[in-house]
Protein backbone atom coordinates (compact mmCIF):
# COMPACT_ATOMS: atom_id res chain seq x y z
CA UNK A 1 171.69 50.96 -5.02
CA UNK A 2 169.63 49.82 -2.06
CA UNK A 3 169.27 46.23 -0.96
CA UNK A 4 167.98 43.81 -2.05
CA UNK A 5 169.41 43.73 -5.54
CA UNK A 6 167.41 42.85 -8.66
CA UNK A 7 167.65 39.68 -10.74
CA UNK A 8 168.82 41.77 -13.70
CA UNK A 9 171.79 43.04 -11.67
CA UNK A 10 172.80 39.54 -10.57
CA UNK A 11 172.39 38.21 -14.10
CA UNK A 12 174.65 40.94 -15.46
CA UNK A 13 177.33 40.37 -12.81
CA UNK A 14 177.27 36.60 -13.32
CA UNK A 15 176.77 36.66 -17.12
CA UNK A 16 173.72 34.43 -16.77
CA UNK A 17 171.32 33.52 -19.55
CA UNK A 18 168.30 31.19 -19.49
CA UNK A 19 169.83 28.33 -21.50
CA UNK A 20 172.58 27.80 -18.91
CA UNK A 21 169.93 26.42 -16.57
CA UNK A 22 167.87 24.60 -19.21
CA UNK A 23 165.20 27.28 -19.40
CA UNK A 24 164.56 26.71 -23.10
CA UNK A 25 160.82 26.55 -23.69
CA UNK A 26 161.15 28.26 -27.06
CA UNK A 27 159.51 31.44 -25.79
CA UNK A 28 162.28 33.90 -24.84
CA UNK A 29 160.04 35.92 -22.50
CA UNK A 30 159.05 32.79 -20.58
CA UNK A 31 162.65 31.60 -20.41
CA UNK A 32 163.77 34.96 -19.02
CA UNK A 33 160.91 34.98 -16.49
CA UNK A 34 161.94 31.49 -15.32
CA UNK A 35 165.56 32.63 -14.93
CA UNK A 36 164.46 35.76 -13.06
CA UNK A 37 162.40 33.66 -10.62
CA UNK A 38 165.33 31.27 -10.10
CA UNK A 39 167.74 34.16 -9.48
CA UNK A 40 165.27 35.90 -7.16
CA UNK A 41 165.24 32.82 -4.89
CA UNK A 42 169.03 32.97 -4.61
CA UNK A 43 168.86 36.71 -3.91
CA UNK A 44 166.33 36.13 -1.14
CA UNK A 45 168.64 33.54 0.43
CA UNK A 46 171.61 35.92 0.21
CA UNK A 47 169.49 38.73 1.66
CA UNK A 48 168.46 36.55 4.61
CA UNK A 49 172.10 35.58 5.24
CA UNK A 50 173.16 39.21 5.22
CA UNK A 51 170.36 40.30 7.57
CA UNK A 52 171.30 37.65 10.12
CA UNK A 53 175.08 38.06 9.92
CA UNK A 54 175.30 41.83 9.53
CA UNK A 55 172.72 42.92 12.09
CA UNK A 56 172.57 46.71 12.37
CA UNK A 57 175.12 47.14 9.58
CA UNK A 58 172.71 45.67 7.03
CA UNK A 59 171.45 48.01 4.28
CA UNK A 60 173.41 51.11 5.23
CA UNK A 61 172.24 54.13 3.28
CA UNK A 62 175.54 55.87 2.51
CA UNK A 63 176.49 55.36 -1.14
CA UNK A 64 179.79 53.45 -0.70
CA UNK A 65 178.31 51.01 1.81
CA UNK A 66 175.18 50.47 -0.27
CA UNK A 67 177.26 49.76 -3.36
CA UNK A 68 179.57 47.29 -1.61
CA UNK A 69 176.68 45.51 0.11
CA UNK A 70 174.74 45.23 -3.16
CA UNK A 71 177.75 43.71 -4.91
CA UNK A 72 178.33 41.38 -1.96
CA UNK A 73 174.71 40.27 -2.05
CA UNK A 74 174.96 39.61 -5.79
CA UNK A 75 178.09 37.48 -5.25
CA UNK A 76 176.40 35.53 -2.44
CA UNK A 77 173.47 34.86 -4.75
CA UNK A 78 175.84 33.78 -7.53
CA UNK A 79 177.54 31.35 -5.15
CA UNK A 80 174.19 29.64 -4.75
CA UNK A 81 173.33 29.87 -8.44
CA UNK A 82 176.62 28.49 -9.69
CA UNK A 83 176.31 25.51 -7.33
CA UNK A 84 173.31 24.53 -9.46
CA UNK A 85 175.34 25.00 -12.63
CA UNK A 86 178.12 22.80 -11.25
CA UNK A 87 175.58 20.13 -10.33
CA UNK A 88 174.03 20.22 -13.78
CA UNK A 89 177.45 19.78 -15.35
CA UNK A 90 178.29 16.83 -13.10
CA UNK A 91 174.94 15.18 -13.81
CA UNK A 92 175.24 15.89 -17.53
CA UNK A 93 171.91 17.69 -17.64
CA UNK A 94 173.25 21.13 -18.54
CA UNK A 95 172.67 23.00 -21.78
CA UNK A 96 175.07 21.80 -24.51
CA UNK A 97 177.49 24.65 -25.02
CA UNK A 98 180.12 23.95 -27.66
CA UNK A 99 182.97 25.30 -25.52
CA UNK A 100 181.85 23.43 -22.40
CA UNK A 101 185.02 21.37 -22.09
CA UNK A 102 187.25 24.39 -22.61
CA UNK A 103 189.39 25.81 -19.82
CA UNK A 104 187.49 29.13 -19.79
CA UNK A 105 184.20 27.34 -19.07
CA UNK A 106 185.84 25.44 -16.20
CA UNK A 107 187.34 28.67 -14.84
CA UNK A 108 183.87 30.20 -14.87
CA UNK A 109 182.52 27.31 -12.83
CA UNK A 110 185.50 27.28 -10.46
CA UNK A 111 185.20 31.00 -9.72
CA UNK A 112 184.54 31.23 -6.01
CA UNK A 113 181.71 33.75 -5.68
CA UNK A 114 181.58 33.28 -1.90
CA UNK A 115 185.14 34.52 -1.49
CA UNK A 116 184.40 37.45 -3.78
CA UNK A 117 181.36 38.29 -1.64
CA UNK A 118 183.56 38.36 1.46
CA UNK A 119 185.85 40.85 -0.27
CA UNK A 120 182.90 43.22 -0.59
CA UNK A 121 181.45 42.53 2.86
CA UNK A 122 184.60 42.20 4.99
CA UNK A 123 184.03 45.64 6.50
CA UNK A 124 180.94 44.34 8.30
CA UNK A 125 181.28 40.55 8.38
CA UNK A 126 184.15 38.31 9.42
CA UNK A 127 183.77 34.73 8.33
CA UNK A 128 186.28 32.20 9.56
CA UNK A 129 187.56 29.93 6.82
CA UNK A 130 187.43 26.28 7.82
CA UNK A 131 190.49 24.26 8.68
CA UNK A 132 190.30 22.41 5.38
CA UNK A 133 191.52 25.55 3.62
CA UNK A 134 194.59 26.04 5.79
CA UNK A 135 197.92 24.69 4.65
CA UNK A 136 201.13 24.59 6.61
CA UNK A 137 204.38 23.87 4.86
CA UNK A 138 206.43 21.17 6.57
CA UNK A 139 209.55 22.29 8.34
CA UNK A 140 212.59 20.09 7.86
CA UNK A 141 215.25 20.33 10.53
CA UNK A 142 218.47 18.50 11.18
CA UNK A 143 218.15 16.86 14.59
CA UNK A 144 219.63 14.00 16.50
CA UNK A 145 218.09 10.62 15.68
CA UNK A 146 215.96 8.61 18.09
CA UNK A 147 217.93 5.98 19.93
CA UNK A 148 215.50 3.07 20.41
CA UNK A 149 217.90 1.31 22.77
CA UNK A 150 217.34 4.13 25.29
CA UNK A 151 213.62 4.78 24.68
CA UNK A 152 211.87 1.38 24.70
CA UNK A 153 208.38 2.92 24.20
CA UNK A 154 208.98 3.41 20.47
CA UNK A 155 207.95 0.40 18.41
CA UNK A 156 210.07 -0.79 15.54
CA UNK A 157 208.92 -0.17 11.97
CA UNK A 158 208.30 -3.89 11.54
CA UNK A 159 205.99 -3.89 14.57
CA UNK A 160 204.16 -0.77 13.36
CA UNK A 161 203.66 -2.24 9.87
CA UNK A 162 202.45 -5.50 11.35
CA UNK A 163 199.85 -3.70 13.46
CA UNK A 164 198.67 -1.65 10.46
CA UNK A 165 198.33 -4.79 8.33
CA UNK A 166 196.40 -6.54 11.09
CA UNK A 167 194.04 -3.57 11.31
CA UNK A 168 193.59 -3.45 7.54
CA UNK A 169 192.88 -7.17 7.37
CA UNK A 170 190.44 -7.00 10.28
CA UNK A 171 192.52 -9.17 12.57
CA UNK A 172 191.74 -8.32 16.16
CA UNK A 173 194.31 -10.58 17.79
CA UNK A 174 197.78 -9.09 17.60
CA UNK A 175 200.79 -11.09 16.46
CA UNK A 176 202.51 -13.15 19.12
CA UNK A 177 205.70 -14.00 17.32
CA UNK A 178 204.87 -16.69 14.78
CA UNK A 179 201.92 -18.06 16.77
CA UNK A 180 198.39 -16.68 16.66
CA UNK A 181 195.68 -17.17 19.26
């Protein structure tokens, strides 16, 4: 399969149908044409992303590369498409599906198509995941305590709490004992 992929391919991978996106004019052919146009826009965006990020590795003609790139492009398009579905659900303007509040519907929405796309495209593209995704477990060690009588630069907990409360209350003058300026 050569790039770019077709709307029918993306719709089959993502299990899309017109009513998900409120394309319900009553004429099934019109509804499908509206969905195809909507999906084609997402495909064009995914295609542009791939052209820029993959450079000379874009649209390789050998069968394994073409297949992986087509699937990656479909997943990139679905990332864009499902963002619209998530927005419609949040705004309450989505098509009323009886199982909408079920866990399977939520799992469908939470499926991260962008990460799936990277699985298919990781041979040619390396995308750094932002720091918000990283997680480091804390390391608890037994150490010697801090002796504040030796190190006078460490403020007491009372002083630290007082400064935090002053900041939270918008007080710019620090405490001077029991007297304020």
